[in-house]
Amino acid sequence: MQEYNTILVPHFLKLNAVLLESPHLASYVQSLVLQFGNATITEALNDVTASIVQQLSNVNSLSLSFVFWDRFSLPLQVALKDIFRAPSLTRVTLYEFSIPTFHELASLLSHATHLKALCVQVDCGYDMPRSAIDAIGATSFPPRSIQLDRLQFGQSFATYISSWLGFRRSLLIRGSKSSITPNSEQSGI
């Protein structure tokens, strides 16, 4: 996979140079997609990607696909957290996104206060809390509501979430034709 980095780094360096020479161009970037697959991300690729992401001030759609959060350098993680905090960010897609703990996922998403659409298919290192109550107790931040227009889960995550929340029947998402069909017969919504 070293070849992957060898190909990407020069192109990312050129893009970074253009953005540094003409900073106003970064404000035109509204969608950011990071997709690295199983590639090992070298220090050089981490550094240049962090530099590019730090310059993007107007991203409204962020997609992290086939990404391992713990393979990102601290500067790249910080730059992405800044994107999550940005008022312009209204759509997040996490597809085949791997993050070590559920707490880290919850913390990351807690920064996205202006979300309108969230699509999630994640691997949280298999430390998922047994229930929503356990999840709230395991976090250091208070739970809060985000008014979403669209919420979409991958099949395995949807099954888990419906059971986790203890739904007795389908959860219908406002403004969406999707639903989560629960496995639990407990009282719910």
N, C-alpha and C. Protein backbone atom coordinates (compact mmCIF):
# COMPACT_ATOMS: atom_id res chain seq x y z
N MET A 1 0.80 -1.20 0.00
CA MET A 1 0.00 0.00 0.00
C MET A 1 0.85 1.27 0.00
N GLN A 2 2.14 1.10 0.13
CA GLN A 2 3.03 2.26 0.08
C GLN A 2 2.84 3.00 -1.24
N GLU A 3 2.56 2.25 -2.31
CA GLU A 3 2.34 2.85 -3.62
C GLU A 3 1.19 3.86 -3.59
N TYR A 4 0.15 3.54 -2.85
CA TYR A 4 -1.01 4.42 -2.69
C TYR A 4 -0.57 5.78 -2.17
N ASN A 5 0.24 5.79 -1.12
CA ASN A 5 0.75 7.02 -0.55
C ASN A 5 1.66 7.75 -1.53
N THR A 6 2.49 6.99 -2.24
CA THR A 6 3.41 7.57 -3.21
C THR A 6 2.65 8.33 -4.30
N ILE A 7 1.51 7.82 -4.69
CA ILE A 7 0.69 8.47 -5.71
C ILE A 7 -0.03 9.69 -5.15
N LEU A 8 -0.61 9.56 -3.97
CA LEU A 8 -1.42 10.64 -3.40
C LEU A 8 -0.63 11.85 -2.91
N VAL A 9 0.46 11.61 -2.23
CA VAL A 9 1.18 12.71 -1.58
C VAL A 9 1.55 13.83 -2.54
N PRO A 10 2.14 13.57 -3.71
CA PRO A 10 2.48 14.68 -4.61
C PRO A 10 1.26 15.50 -5.05
N HIS A 11 0.14 14.82 -5.29
CA HIS A 11 -1.08 15.53 -5.70
C HIS A 11 -1.63 16.37 -4.55
N PHE A 12 -1.61 15.81 -3.35
CA PHE A 12 -2.07 16.56 -2.18
C PHE A 12 -1.16 17.74 -1.90
N LEU A 13 0.15 17.58 -2.11
CA LEU A 13 1.09 18.69 -1.92
C LEU A 13 0.80 19.82 -2.90
N LYS A 14 0.48 19.48 -4.15
CA LYS A 14 0.13 20.50 -5.14
C LYS A 14 -1.15 21.23 -4.74
N LEU A 15 -2.16 20.48 -4.31
CA LEU A 15 -3.42 21.09 -3.87
C LEU A 15 -3.17 22.00 -2.67
N ASN A 16 -2.38 21.54 -1.73
CA ASN A 16 -2.06 22.34 -0.55
C ASN A 16 -1.37 23.64 -0.95
N ALA A 17 -0.43 23.56 -1.88
CA ALA A 17 0.29 24.75 -2.34
C ALA A 17 -0.67 25.75 -3.00
N VAL A 18 -1.59 25.25 -3.80
CA VAL A 18 -2.58 26.13 -4.45
C VAL A 18 -3.44 26.82 -3.40
N LEU A 19 -3.90 26.07 -2.41
CA LEU A 19 -4.74 26.66 -1.36
C LEU A 19 -3.96 27.66 -0.52
N LEU A 20 -2.69 27.41 -0.28
CA LEU A 20 -1.87 28.36 0.48
C LEU A 20 -1.61 29.63 -0.31
N GLU A 21 -1.42 29.50 -1.64
CA GLU A 21 -1.19 30.66 -2.50
C GLU A 21 -2.46 31.48 -2.71
N SER A 22 -3.60 30.81 -2.76
CA SER A 22 -4.90 31.47 -2.99
C SER A 22 -5.90 31.00 -1.94
N PRO A 23 -5.79 31.51 -0.71
CA PRO A 23 -6.62 31.02 0.39
C PRO A 23 -8.12 31.15 0.15
N HIS A 24 -8.53 32.11 -0.67
CA HIS A 24 -9.96 32.29 -0.93
C HIS A 24 -10.56 31.06 -1.62
N LEU A 25 -9.74 30.29 -2.33
CA LEU A 25 -10.26 29.10 -3.01
C LEU A 25 -10.80 28.07 -2.03
N ALA A 26 -10.21 27.99 -0.85
CA ALA A 26 -10.66 27.01 0.15
C ALA A 26 -12.10 27.25 0.56
N SER A 27 -12.55 28.50 0.53
CA SER A 27 -13.93 28.80 0.94
C SER A 27 -14.96 28.26 -0.07
N TYR A 28 -14.53 27.91 -1.26
CA TYR A 28 -15.44 27.35 -2.26
C TYR A 28 -15.66 25.85 -2.08
N VAL A 29 -14.82 25.22 -1.30
CA VAL A 29 -14.95 23.77 -1.07
C VAL A 29 -16.10 23.53 -0.10
N GLN A 30 -17.15 22.88 -0.58
CA GLN A 30 -18.33 22.62 0.24
C GLN A 30 -18.49 21.16 0.60
N SER A 31 -17.79 20.29 -0.07
CA SER A 31 -17.91 18.86 0.21
C SER A 31 -16.51 18.26 0.34
N LEU A 32 -16.32 17.49 1.41
CA LEU A 32 -15.04 16.83 1.64
C LEU A 32 -15.29 15.34 1.80
N VAL A 33 -14.61 14.56 0.98
CA VAL A 33 -14.69 13.10 1.06
C VAL A 33 -13.28 12.57 1.31
N LEU A 34 -13.12 11.86 2.43
CA LEU A 34 -11.86 11.18 2.71
C LEU A 34 -12.13 9.69 2.66
N GLN A 35 -11.38 9.01 1.80
CA GLN A 35 -11.57 7.57 1.62
C GLN A 35 -10.19 6.95 1.42
N PHE A 36 -9.73 6.21 2.42
CA PHE A 36 -8.39 5.65 2.35
C PHE A 36 -8.36 4.14 2.27
N GLY A 37 -9.47 3.48 2.46
CA GLY A 37 -9.49 2.02 2.39
C GLY A 37 -8.59 1.41 3.45
N ASN A 38 -7.97 0.32 3.12
CA ASN A 38 -7.09 -0.37 4.06
C ASN A 38 -5.66 0.12 3.99
N ALA A 39 -5.44 1.18 3.25
CA ALA A 39 -4.08 1.68 3.09
C ALA A 39 -3.52 2.17 4.42
N THR A 40 -2.25 1.93 4.60
CA THR A 40 -1.55 2.51 5.74
C THR A 40 -1.24 3.95 5.36
N ILE A 41 -1.63 4.85 6.21
CA ILE A 41 -1.45 6.27 5.90
C ILE A 41 -0.11 6.71 6.46
N THR A 42 0.77 7.14 5.58
CA THR A 42 2.10 7.56 6.01
C THR A 42 2.02 8.90 6.72
N GLU A 43 3.10 9.23 7.41
CA GLU A 43 3.18 10.53 8.10
C GLU A 43 3.04 11.67 7.10
N ALA A 44 3.66 11.53 5.94
CA ALA A 44 3.59 12.58 4.93
C ALA A 44 2.15 12.81 4.46
N LEU A 45 1.42 11.72 4.23
CA LEU A 45 0.02 11.85 3.80
C LEU A 45 -0.84 12.44 4.91
N ASN A 46 -0.63 12.00 6.14
CA ASN A 46 -1.35 12.57 7.29
C ASN A 46 -1.10 14.07 7.38
N ASP A 47 0.17 14.48 7.27
CA ASP A 47 0.53 15.89 7.43
C ASP A 47 -0.09 16.78 6.35
N VAL A 48 0.02 16.35 5.11
CA VAL A 48 -0.50 17.19 4.03
C VAL A 48 -2.03 17.20 4.03
N THR A 49 -2.65 16.08 4.38
CA THR A 49 -4.12 16.05 4.48
C THR A 49 -4.59 16.97 5.59
N ALA A 50 -3.90 16.95 6.73
CA ALA A 50 -4.25 17.85 7.84
C ALA A 50 -4.13 19.30 7.42
N SER A 51 -3.08 19.63 6.69
CA SER A 51 -2.88 21.00 6.24
C SER A 51 -4.00 21.45 5.30
N ILE A 52 -4.42 20.58 4.41
CA ILE A 52 -5.52 20.91 3.49
C ILE A 52 -6.81 21.09 4.26
N VAL A 53 -7.14 20.14 5.13
CA VAL A 53 -8.40 20.18 5.88
C VAL A 53 -8.47 21.43 6.75
N GLN A 54 -7.35 21.84 7.35
CA GLN A 54 -7.32 23.03 8.20
C GLN A 54 -7.72 24.29 7.45
N GLN A 55 -7.53 24.30 6.15
CA GLN A 55 -7.82 25.48 5.35
C GLN A 55 -9.28 25.56 4.90
N LEU A 56 -10.02 24.48 5.04
CA LEU A 56 -11.39 24.42 4.54
C LEU A 56 -12.36 24.98 5.58
N SER A 57 -12.94 26.11 5.28
CA SER A 57 -13.78 26.80 6.26
C SER A 57 -15.27 26.74 5.96
N ASN A 58 -15.64 26.19 4.82
CA ASN A 58 -17.04 26.26 4.40
C ASN A 58 -17.62 24.90 4.01
N VAL A 59 -17.10 23.83 4.58
CA VAL A 59 -17.56 22.48 4.23
C VAL A 59 -18.96 22.27 4.81
N ASN A 60 -19.91 21.88 3.95
CA ASN A 60 -21.26 21.56 4.44
C ASN A 60 -21.55 20.07 4.40
N SER A 61 -20.72 19.30 3.69
CA SER A 61 -20.91 17.85 3.61
C SER A 61 -19.56 17.16 3.83
N LEU A 62 -19.53 16.26 4.82
CA LEU A 62 -18.31 15.53 5.13
C LEU A 62 -18.59 14.04 5.05
N SER A 63 -17.77 13.33 4.29
CA SER A 63 -17.90 11.88 4.17
C SER A 63 -16.57 11.24 4.52
N LEU A 64 -16.60 10.38 5.53
CA LEU A 64 -15.43 9.59 5.90
C LEU A 64 -15.76 8.14 5.59
N SER A 65 -15.16 7.62 4.53
CA SER A 65 -15.49 6.27 4.05
C SER A 65 -14.24 5.39 4.06
N PHE A 66 -14.41 4.18 4.57
CA PHE A 66 -13.31 3.23 4.64
C PHE A 66 -12.11 3.87 5.35
N VAL A 67 -12.42 4.47 6.48
CA VAL A 67 -11.44 5.23 7.24
C VAL A 67 -11.28 4.62 8.63
N PHE A 68 -10.05 4.55 9.09
CA PHE A 68 -9.73 4.14 10.45
C PHE A 68 -9.29 5.38 11.21
N TRP A 69 -10.13 5.87 12.11
CA TRP A 69 -9.88 7.11 12.84
C TRP A 69 -8.52 7.08 13.55
N ASP A 70 -8.18 5.95 14.15
CA ASP A 70 -6.94 5.89 14.92
C ASP A 70 -5.69 5.83 14.05
N ARG A 71 -5.84 5.75 12.73
CA ARG A 71 -4.68 5.83 11.84
C ARG A 71 -4.38 7.27 11.44
N PHE A 72 -5.29 8.17 11.77
CA PHE A 72 -5.05 9.59 11.50
C PHE A 72 -4.13 10.16 12.56
N SER A 73 -3.26 11.07 12.15
CA SER A 73 -2.40 11.76 13.10
C SER A 73 -3.26 12.69 13.96
N LEU A 74 -2.73 13.10 15.10
CA LEU A 74 -3.46 14.02 15.97
C LEU A 74 -3.81 15.32 15.24
N PRO A 75 -2.88 15.93 14.46
CA PRO A 75 -3.26 17.15 13.73
C PRO A 75 -4.42 16.93 12.74
N LEU A 76 -4.46 15.77 12.10
CA LEU A 76 -5.57 15.50 11.17
C LEU A 76 -6.86 15.28 11.94
N GLN A 77 -6.81 14.59 13.06
CA GLN A 77 -8.01 14.42 13.89
C GLN A 77 -8.53 15.78 14.37
N VAL A 78 -7.63 16.66 14.80
CA VAL A 78 -8.03 17.99 15.27
C VAL A 78 -8.66 18.79 14.12
N ALA A 79 -8.05 18.73 12.94
CA ALA A 79 -8.60 19.45 11.78
C ALA A 79 -9.99 18.94 11.43
N LEU A 80 -10.20 17.63 11.50
CA LEU A 80 -11.53 17.08 11.21
C LEU A 80 -12.53 17.44 12.29
N LYS A 81 -12.11 17.46 13.55
CA LYS A 81 -13.01 17.90 14.62
C LYS A 81 -13.43 19.34 14.41
N ASP A 82 -12.52 20.17 13.89
CA ASP A 82 -12.87 21.56 13.58
C ASP A 82 -13.94 21.62 12.48
N ILE A 83 -13.85 20.72 11.50
CA ILE A 83 -14.89 20.65 10.47
C ILE A 83 -16.22 20.27 11.12
N PHE A 84 -16.20 19.29 12.03
CA PHE A 84 -17.42 18.89 12.73
C PHE A 84 -18.03 20.06 13.50
N ARG A 85 -17.20 20.95 14.03
CA ARG A 85 -17.68 22.10 14.80
C ARG A 85 -18.22 23.23 13.91
N ALA A 86 -17.86 23.23 12.66
CA ALA A 86 -18.20 24.34 11.76
C ALA A 86 -19.71 24.49 11.60
N PRO A 87 -20.22 25.71 11.69
CA PRO A 87 -21.66 25.93 11.51
C PRO A 87 -22.14 25.56 10.11
N SER A 88 -21.23 25.55 9.14
CA SER A 88 -21.62 25.21 7.77
C SER A 88 -21.91 23.72 7.59
N LEU A 89 -21.38 22.87 8.48
CA LEU A 89 -21.53 21.41 8.31
C LEU A 89 -22.96 20.97 8.64
N THR A 90 -23.66 20.47 7.62
CA THR A 90 -25.05 20.02 7.80
C THR A 90 -25.25 18.56 7.43
N ARG A 91 -24.25 17.95 6.82
CA ARG A 91 -24.40 16.55 6.39
C ARG A 91 -23.12 15.77 6.70
N VAL A 92 -23.27 14.63 7.37
CA VAL A 92 -22.13 13.77 7.68
C VAL A 92 -22.48 12.35 7.26
N THR A 93 -21.56 11.73 6.54
CA THR A 93 -21.69 10.32 6.17
C THR A 93 -20.46 9.60 6.72
N LEU A 94 -20.71 8.59 7.52
CA LEU A 94 -19.65 7.74 8.06
C LEU A 94 -19.93 6.33 7.55
N TYR A 95 -19.20 5.93 6.51
CA TYR A 95 -19.45 4.62 5.90
C TYR A 95 -18.21 3.75 6.09
N GLU A 96 -18.41 2.57 6.67
CA GLU A 96 -17.28 1.69 6.97
C GLU A 96 -16.21 2.49 7.69
N PHE A 97 -16.68 3.27 8.64
CA PHE A 97 -15.84 4.15 9.45
C PHE A 97 -15.51 3.42 10.74
N SER A 98 -14.24 3.27 11.03
CA SER A 98 -13.82 2.55 12.22
C SER A 98 -13.23 3.53 13.23
N ILE A 99 -13.77 3.48 14.44
CA ILE A 99 -13.30 4.34 15.52
C ILE A 99 -13.17 3.45 16.75
N PRO A 100 -12.12 3.62 17.55
CA PRO A 100 -11.86 2.66 18.63
C PRO A 100 -12.98 2.47 19.64
N THR A 101 -13.67 3.54 20.04
CA THR A 101 -14.69 3.38 21.08
C THR A 101 -15.97 4.13 20.73
N PHE A 102 -17.06 3.65 21.30
CA PHE A 102 -18.34 4.34 21.13
C PHE A 102 -18.26 5.75 21.70
N HIS A 103 -17.57 5.90 22.82
CA HIS A 103 -17.42 7.22 23.43
C HIS A 103 -16.78 8.21 22.46
N GLU A 104 -15.75 7.76 21.73
CA GLU A 104 -15.10 8.63 20.76
C GLU A 104 -16.05 9.02 19.63
N LEU A 105 -16.87 8.07 19.18
CA LEU A 105 -17.86 8.37 18.14
C LEU A 105 -18.87 9.38 18.65
N ALA A 106 -19.40 9.16 19.84
CA ALA A 106 -20.38 10.08 20.42
C ALA A 106 -19.77 11.46 20.61
N SER A 107 -18.54 11.51 21.06
CA SER A 107 -17.86 12.79 21.25
C SER A 107 -17.68 13.51 19.92
N LEU A 108 -17.25 12.78 18.91
CA LEU A 108 -17.05 13.37 17.58
C LEU A 108 -18.36 13.95 17.04
N LEU A 109 -19.43 13.17 17.12
CA LEU A 109 -20.72 13.63 16.61
C LEU A 109 -21.30 14.77 17.45
N SER A 110 -20.93 14.84 18.72
CA SER A 110 -21.45 15.91 19.58
C SER A 110 -20.97 17.28 19.13
N HIS A 111 -19.89 17.33 18.37
CA HIS A 111 -19.39 18.61 17.86
C HIS A 111 -20.25 19.15 16.72
N ALA A 112 -20.96 18.28 16.03
CA ALA A 112 -21.72 18.65 14.84
C ALA A 112 -23.10 19.18 15.24
N THR A 113 -23.15 20.41 15.66
CA THR A 113 -24.38 20.97 16.23
C THR A 113 -25.38 21.46 15.18
N HIS A 114 -24.98 21.53 13.93
CA HIS A 114 -25.87 22.04 12.88
C HIS A 114 -26.29 20.97 11.88
N LEU A 115 -26.12 19.71 12.25
CA LEU A 115 -26.43 18.61 11.34
C LEU A 115 -27.90 18.58 10.94
N LYS A 116 -28.14 18.27 9.68
CA LYS A 116 -29.48 18.02 9.16
C LYS A 116 -29.60 16.60 8.61
N ALA A 117 -28.47 16.01 8.24
CA ALA A 117 -28.48 14.65 7.70
C ALA A 117 -27.28 13.88 8.24
N LEU A 118 -27.56 12.68 8.74
CA LEU A 118 -26.51 11.81 9.28
C LEU A 118 -26.73 10.40 8.75
N CYS A 119 -25.72 9.88 8.07
CA CYS A 119 -25.74 8.51 7.56
C CYS A 119 -24.59 7.77 8.22
N VAL A 120 -24.90 6.65 8.89
CA VAL A 120 -23.90 5.98 9.72
C VAL A 120 -23.83 4.48 9.43
N GLN A 121 -22.64 4.01 9.15
CA GLN A 121 -22.31 2.58 9.12
C GLN A 121 -20.91 2.51 9.71
N VAL A 122 -20.84 2.21 11.01
CA VAL A 122 -19.56 2.31 11.71
C VAL A 122 -19.18 1.03 12.43
N ASP A 123 -17.90 0.96 12.75
CA ASP A 123 -17.35 -0.08 13.62
C ASP A 123 -16.72 0.66 14.79
N CYS A 124 -17.30 0.47 15.97
CA CYS A 124 -16.83 1.20 17.16
C CYS A 124 -15.98 0.33 18.06
N GLY A 125 -15.18 -0.51 17.52
CA GLY A 125 -14.28 -1.31 18.34
C GLY A 125 -15.00 -2.27 19.26
N TYR A 126 -16.26 -2.56 18.97
CA TYR A 126 -17.04 -3.55 19.71
C TYR A 126 -17.21 -3.23 21.19
N ASP A 127 -17.18 -1.96 21.55
CA ASP A 127 -17.42 -1.61 22.95
C ASP A 127 -18.76 -0.90 23.10
N MET A 128 -19.69 -1.18 22.21
CA MET A 128 -20.98 -0.50 22.23
C MET A 128 -21.67 -0.70 23.58
N PRO A 129 -22.17 0.38 24.16
CA PRO A 129 -22.92 0.25 25.41
C PRO A 129 -24.14 -0.64 25.21
N ARG A 130 -24.56 -1.33 26.28
CA ARG A 130 -25.69 -2.25 26.18
C ARG A 130 -27.01 -1.51 25.98
N SER A 131 -27.08 -0.26 26.37
CA SER A 131 -28.33 0.49 26.23
C SER A 131 -28.02 1.97 26.12
N ALA A 132 -29.05 2.74 25.76
CA ALA A 132 -28.89 4.18 25.67
C ALA A 132 -28.54 4.77 27.03
N ILE A 133 -29.11 4.21 28.09
CA ILE A 133 -28.82 4.68 29.44
C ILE A 133 -27.33 4.49 29.76
N ASP A 134 -26.78 3.33 29.42
CA ASP A 134 -25.36 3.08 29.64
C ASP A 134 -24.50 4.05 28.84
N ALA A 135 -24.93 4.37 27.62
CA ALA A 135 -24.17 5.28 26.77
C ALA A 135 -24.11 6.67 27.38
N ILE A 136 -25.24 7.13 27.89
CA ILE A 136 -25.29 8.46 28.50
C ILE A 136 -24.37 8.50 29.72
N GLY A 137 -24.39 7.45 30.52
CA GLY A 137 -23.55 7.39 31.70
C GLY A 137 -22.07 7.30 31.38
N ALA A 138 -21.72 6.79 30.21
CA ALA A 138 -20.31 6.60 29.84
C ALA A 138 -19.69 7.82 29.21
N THR A 139 -20.46 8.85 28.94
CA THR A 139 -19.93 10.03 28.27
C THR A 139 -19.70 11.15 29.26
N SER A 140 -18.81 12.05 28.90
CA SER A 140 -18.51 13.17 29.77
C SER A 140 -19.26 14.43 29.35
N PHE A 141 -20.14 14.31 28.39
CA PHE A 141 -20.91 15.46 27.95
C PHE A 141 -22.39 15.14 28.08
N PRO A 142 -23.20 16.16 28.37
CA PRO A 142 -24.63 15.90 28.56
C PRO A 142 -25.30 15.56 27.23
N PRO A 143 -26.31 14.68 27.26
CA PRO A 143 -27.02 14.38 26.02
C PRO A 143 -27.79 15.61 25.56
N ARG A 144 -27.92 15.76 24.26
CA ARG A 144 -28.69 16.87 23.72
C ARG A 144 -29.33 16.42 22.42
N SER A 145 -30.28 17.18 21.99
CA SER A 145 -31.00 16.83 20.77
C SER A 145 -30.41 17.55 19.58
N ILE A 146 -30.42 16.88 18.46
CA ILE A 146 -30.10 17.49 17.18
C ILE A 146 -31.30 17.22 16.29
N GLN A 147 -31.85 18.26 15.69
CA GLN A 147 -33.01 18.12 14.82
C GLN A 147 -32.53 17.72 13.42
N LEU A 148 -32.64 16.44 13.10
CA LEU A 148 -32.21 15.94 11.81
C LEU A 148 -33.38 15.86 10.84
N ASP A 149 -33.11 16.15 9.58
CA ASP A 149 -34.08 15.92 8.52
C ASP A 149 -33.94 14.51 7.97
N ARG A 150 -32.75 13.94 8.11
CA ARG A 150 -32.50 12.59 7.59
C ARG A 150 -31.53 11.86 8.51
N LEU A 151 -31.90 10.64 8.85
CA LEU A 151 -31.04 9.76 9.64
C LEU A 151 -31.06 8.40 8.97
N GLN A 152 -29.89 7.92 8.61
CA GLN A 152 -29.80 6.65 7.90
C GLN A 152 -28.72 5.80 8.55
N PHE A 153 -29.05 4.55 8.86
CA PHE A 153 -28.10 3.60 9.42
C PHE A 153 -27.88 2.48 8.43
N GLY A 154 -26.67 1.92 8.43
CA GLY A 154 -26.41 0.69 7.70
C GLY A 154 -27.19 -0.43 8.36
N GLN A 155 -27.44 -1.51 7.64
CA GLN A 155 -28.31 -2.58 8.13
C GLN A 155 -27.88 -3.13 9.48
N SER A 156 -26.61 -3.49 9.63
CA SER A 156 -26.18 -4.08 10.90
C SER A 156 -26.27 -3.07 12.03
N PHE A 157 -25.94 -1.83 11.76
CA PHE A 157 -26.01 -0.79 12.79
C PHE A 157 -27.47 -0.48 13.13
N ALA A 158 -28.36 -0.49 12.13
CA ALA A 158 -29.78 -0.21 12.37
C ALA A 158 -30.39 -1.26 13.28
N THR A 159 -30.07 -2.52 13.04
CA THR A 159 -30.58 -3.60 13.89
C THR A 159 -30.09 -3.41 15.31
N TYR A 160 -28.82 -3.09 15.45
CA TYR A 160 -28.25 -2.89 16.78
C TYR A 160 -28.91 -1.69 17.48
N ILE A 161 -29.04 -0.57 16.78
CA ILE A 161 -29.59 0.65 17.38
C ILE A 161 -31.03 0.44 17.83
N SER A 162 -31.85 -0.22 17.01
CA SER A 162 -33.24 -0.42 17.40
C SER A 162 -33.33 -1.27 18.67
N SER A 163 -32.50 -2.29 18.77
CA SER A 163 -32.47 -3.12 19.97
C SER A 163 -31.92 -2.32 21.15
N TRP A 164 -30.88 -1.56 20.89
CA TRP A 164 -30.21 -0.75 21.90
C TRP A 164 -31.16 0.26 22.52
N LEU A 165 -32.00 0.86 21.67
CA LEU A 165 -32.95 1.86 22.17
C LEU A 165 -34.21 1.22 22.73
N GLY A 166 -34.38 -0.09 22.52
CA GLY A 166 -35.52 -0.81 23.09
C GLY A 166 -36.83 -0.54 22.37
N PHE A 167 -36.79 -0.32 21.06
CA PHE A 167 -38.02 -0.04 20.31
C PHE A 167 -38.87 -1.28 20.18
N ARG A 168 -40.18 -1.08 20.33
CA ARG A 168 -41.14 -2.17 20.18
C ARG A 168 -41.61 -2.28 18.74
N ARG A 169 -41.62 -1.18 18.04
CA ARG A 169 -42.04 -1.19 16.64
C ARG A 169 -41.10 -0.30 15.84
N SER A 170 -41.37 -0.15 14.57
CA SER A 170 -40.45 0.59 13.70
C SER A 170 -40.29 2.03 14.13
N LEU A 171 -39.08 2.51 13.96
CA LEU A 171 -38.79 3.92 14.17
C LEU A 171 -38.83 4.58 12.81
N LEU A 172 -39.74 5.48 12.61
CA LEU A 172 -39.83 6.19 11.34
C LEU A 172 -39.10 7.52 11.48
N ILE A 173 -38.33 7.84 10.50
CA ILE A 173 -37.56 9.06 10.52
C ILE A 173 -38.33 10.13 9.75
N ARG A 174 -38.58 11.26 10.41
CA ARG A 174 -39.31 12.36 9.78
C ARG A 174 -38.59 12.80 8.51
N GLY A 175 -39.36 12.95 7.44
CA GLY A 175 -38.80 13.40 6.19
C GLY A 175 -38.03 12.33 5.43
N SER A 176 -38.14 11.10 5.86
CA SER A 176 -37.41 10.02 5.21
C SER A 176 -38.34 8.83 5.02
N LYS A 177 -38.08 8.05 4.01
CA LYS A 177 -38.88 6.85 3.78
C LYS A 177 -38.25 5.65 4.47
N SER A 178 -37.15 5.88 5.18
CA SER A 178 -36.46 4.80 5.88
C SER A 178 -37.10 4.52 7.21
N SER A 179 -36.90 3.32 7.69
CA SER A 179 -37.34 2.99 9.04
C SER A 179 -36.37 1.99 9.64
N ILE A 180 -36.41 1.92 10.95
CA ILE A 180 -35.63 0.93 11.66
C ILE A 180 -36.62 -0.06 12.24
N THR A 181 -36.47 -1.31 11.91
CA THR A 181 -37.35 -2.33 12.44
C THR A 181 -36.69 -2.94 13.67
N PRO A 182 -37.34 -2.85 14.81
CA PRO A 182 -36.72 -3.31 16.05
C PRO A 182 -36.79 -4.81 16.23
N ASN A 183 -35.92 -5.29 17.10
CA ASN A 183 -35.91 -6.70 17.48
C ASN A 183 -36.55 -6.90 18.84
N SER A 184 -36.67 -5.85 19.60
CA SER A 184 -37.12 -5.94 20.99
C SER A 184 -38.63 -5.80 21.09
N GLU A 185 -39.23 -6.48 22.05
CA GLU A 185 -40.66 -6.35 22.29
C GLU A 185 -40.94 -5.47 23.52
N GLN A 186 -39.91 -4.76 23.99
CA GLN A 186 -40.10 -3.86 25.12
C GLN A 186 -40.95 -2.68 24.68
N SER A 187 -41.54 -2.00 25.64
CA SER A 187 -42.30 -0.81 25.28
C SER A 187 -41.32 0.23 24.77
N GLY A 188 -41.76 0.99 23.81
CA GLY A 188 -40.88 1.97 23.19
C GLY A 188 -41.68 3.15 22.71
N ILE A 189 -41.40 3.55 21.50
CA ILE A 189 -42.05 4.75 20.98
C ILE A 189 -43.49 4.51 20.66
